Amino acid sequence: MLDYGVGEDLYWDPMRKEVRFSVAQGERQLLCRIEADALGPRCAEAPGAGVCLDVARRHFGHITHRISDKLALGLTEPDGSVLIRAKDW
């Protein structure tokens, strides 16, 4: 089981319009990504650091459950990251 922490290292990637954070997975860092659309209509309509980071922090437990589900199923992106999309919510 991964130790996701409490969401203290979330950051906004303005180029991809997603919230990101990393967790240790053995010897490597696992990049976890949440697209703005997955965080609800406020983020989808006006994606930005303030609103999206706030929503991600409030729903961090749910996000980490979705990430764990995807990892258990082997559903990672080609670069090895885990991306939570709106359809995964």
Protein backbone atom coordinates (compact mmCIF):
# COMPACT_ATOMS: atom_id res chain seq x y z
CA MET A 1 0.00 0.00 0.00
CA LEU A 2 1.31 3.42 -0.92
CA ASP A 3 1.59 6.22 1.60
CA TYR A 4 -0.12 9.13 -0.16
CA GLY A 5 0.34 11.52 2.74
CA VAL A 6 -2.38 14.09 3.27
CA GLY A 7 -2.13 16.06 0.04
CA GLU A 8 0.46 18.56 1.23
CA ASP A 9 2.52 18.39 -1.96
CA LEU A 10 -0.23 18.92 -4.54
CA TYR A 11 0.69 21.36 -7.27
CA TRP A 12 -0.96 22.79 -10.36
CA ASP A 13 0.46 22.17 -13.86
CA PRO A 14 -0.90 25.03 -15.99
CA MET A 15 0.32 23.56 -19.29
CA ARG A 16 -1.66 20.32 -18.84
CA LYS A 17 -4.43 21.85 -16.69
CA GLU A 18 -4.13 19.21 -14.00
CA VAL A 19 -3.27 18.77 -10.34
CA ARG A 20 -0.21 16.64 -9.68
CA PHE A 21 1.68 15.00 -6.84
CA SER A 22 4.23 12.22 -6.44
CA VAL A 23 4.48 9.31 -4.04
CA ALA A 24 7.28 6.85 -3.40
CA GLN A 25 6.65 3.48 -5.04
CA GLY A 26 9.57 1.31 -4.08
CA GLU A 27 12.72 2.84 -5.53
CA ARG A 28 10.91 5.25 -7.84
CA GLN A 29 8.48 8.14 -7.65
CA LEU A 30 4.98 7.58 -9.00
CA LEU A 31 3.50 10.67 -10.63
CA CYS A 32 -0.23 11.02 -9.89
CA ARG A 33 -2.27 13.37 -12.08
CA ILE A 34 -5.85 14.62 -11.83
CA GLU A 35 -7.30 16.46 -14.82
CA ALA A 36 -9.25 19.62 -14.09
CA ASP A 37 -12.45 18.18 -15.59
CA ALA A 38 -12.38 15.38 -12.99
CA LEU A 39 -12.50 17.94 -10.19
CA GLY A 40 -15.92 19.24 -11.14
CA PRO A 41 -17.56 22.02 -13.12
CA ARG A 42 -15.79 24.91 -11.36
CA CYS A 43 -12.41 23.52 -12.40
CA ALA A 44 -13.57 22.44 -15.85
CA GLU A 45 -14.97 25.89 -16.66
CA ALA A 46 -12.11 27.94 -15.25
CA PRO A 47 -9.14 25.68 -14.48
CA GLY A 48 -6.57 27.32 -12.28
CA ALA A 49 -4.34 26.67 -9.32
CA GLY A 50 -6.49 28.12 -6.55
CA VAL A 51 -9.82 26.48 -7.23
CA CYS A 52 -8.51 23.14 -8.47
CA LEU A 53 -5.98 22.69 -5.67
CA ASP A 54 -8.66 23.48 -3.10
CA VAL A 55 -11.06 20.91 -4.59
CA ALA A 56 -8.28 18.29 -4.84
CA ARG A 57 -7.33 18.82 -1.19
CA ARG A 58 -10.94 18.42 -0.06
CA HIS A 59 -11.33 15.20 -2.04
CA PHE A 60 -7.84 13.80 -1.55
CA GLY A 61 -9.08 10.57 0.05
CA HIS A 62 -11.35 9.86 -2.91
CA ILE A 63 -8.56 10.68 -5.35
CA THR A 64 -6.13 8.30 -3.67
CA HIS A 65 -8.76 5.52 -3.72
CA ARG A 66 -9.19 5.99 -7.46
CA ILE A 67 -5.41 5.94 -7.94
CA SER A 68 -5.12 2.71 -5.93
CA ASP A 69 -7.93 1.17 -7.99
CA LYS A 70 -6.16 2.04 -11.24
CA LEU A 71 -2.84 0.70 -9.97
CA ALA A 72 -4.47 -2.57 -8.87
CA LEU A 73 -5.83 -2.97 -12.41
CA GLY A 74 -2.52 -2.00 -14.02
CA LEU A 75 -4.06 1.09 -15.61
CA THR A 76 -1.15 3.47 -15.94
CA GLU A 77 -0.30 5.93 -18.69
CA PRO A 78 2.48 5.17 -21.20
CA ASP A 79 4.90 7.29 -19.12
CA GLY A 80 4.09 5.25 -15.99
CA SER A 81 1.99 7.94 -14.32
CA VAL A 82 -1.58 7.47 -13.08
CA LEU A 83 -4.14 9.88 -14.53
CA ILE A 84 -7.56 10.40 -12.98
CA ARG A 85 -10.00 11.57 -15.62
CA ALA A 86 -13.59 12.76 -15.23
CA LYS A 87 -14.86 9.31 -16.25
CA ASP A 88 -12.86 7.75 -13.38
CA TRP A 89 -14.49 9.89 -10.71
